[in-house]
Amino acid sequence: MIFRAIQDKFKVKSSLKYLEDELAKPKVPANREKGIKTIACIVDMDNFPNADHFNELRKDFGLPPNAIQIIGYKRGHDKNTPFSIQFFTDKDMGWNGSIENSHVAEFVSREYDLLINYYKEDRLMLKLLTAKIYARLRVGFTGVDSKINDLMFSTDLKDFKMFKSELNKYLKVFKEIA
């Protein structure tokens, strides 16, 4: 039991070092053309359990069904509550910033045009996953490390309609959507 606690402490320490190193690296500009064709969403399901709302973006942007990938995060694993999306927990933390979850490995293996970081709390696991994903444009909320996101909103996390409206407005300004 004590060994497990010490091991977890060192995992957190090595992950913090990894995250610090990743955020210090200069961002490599994407050579992809403008336009939103693929979207990744990282959702804090402890604070926003309705992650299925992100599928509405598919209709709004006229995307095919497989263009939006959603992964959720929960602090603890609840085996009794079924979720329609895949998720990861704090128990999935590995050494040197790795996240030992097969769903996360598949999620990270793709490139995206837009990454939506739908969380406001500064959680290590969420920031680690964000740092691992290659996306041309990153959108999130104020209150999280500003090095992670390119565009940050100060709307309420529970007001998805307002978030969607603001996202739509800014993507039009950036000429990402028509």
Foldseek 3Di string as FASTA:
>chain_A
DVVVVVQLVQLVVLQVVLLVVLLPDDDDADPDDFAFAAEEEEAACVQPVPQVVVQVVCVVQVYDNVRYAYEYEYQDDDPVDDHPHHYAYSVQRDHNLDGNDPSLVVSLVDEGAEYEYLDQDADSNSSSSLSSHHYNAYEYAPNYPPSRHPYHDPDDSHPVVVVVVVVVVVCVVVVRGD
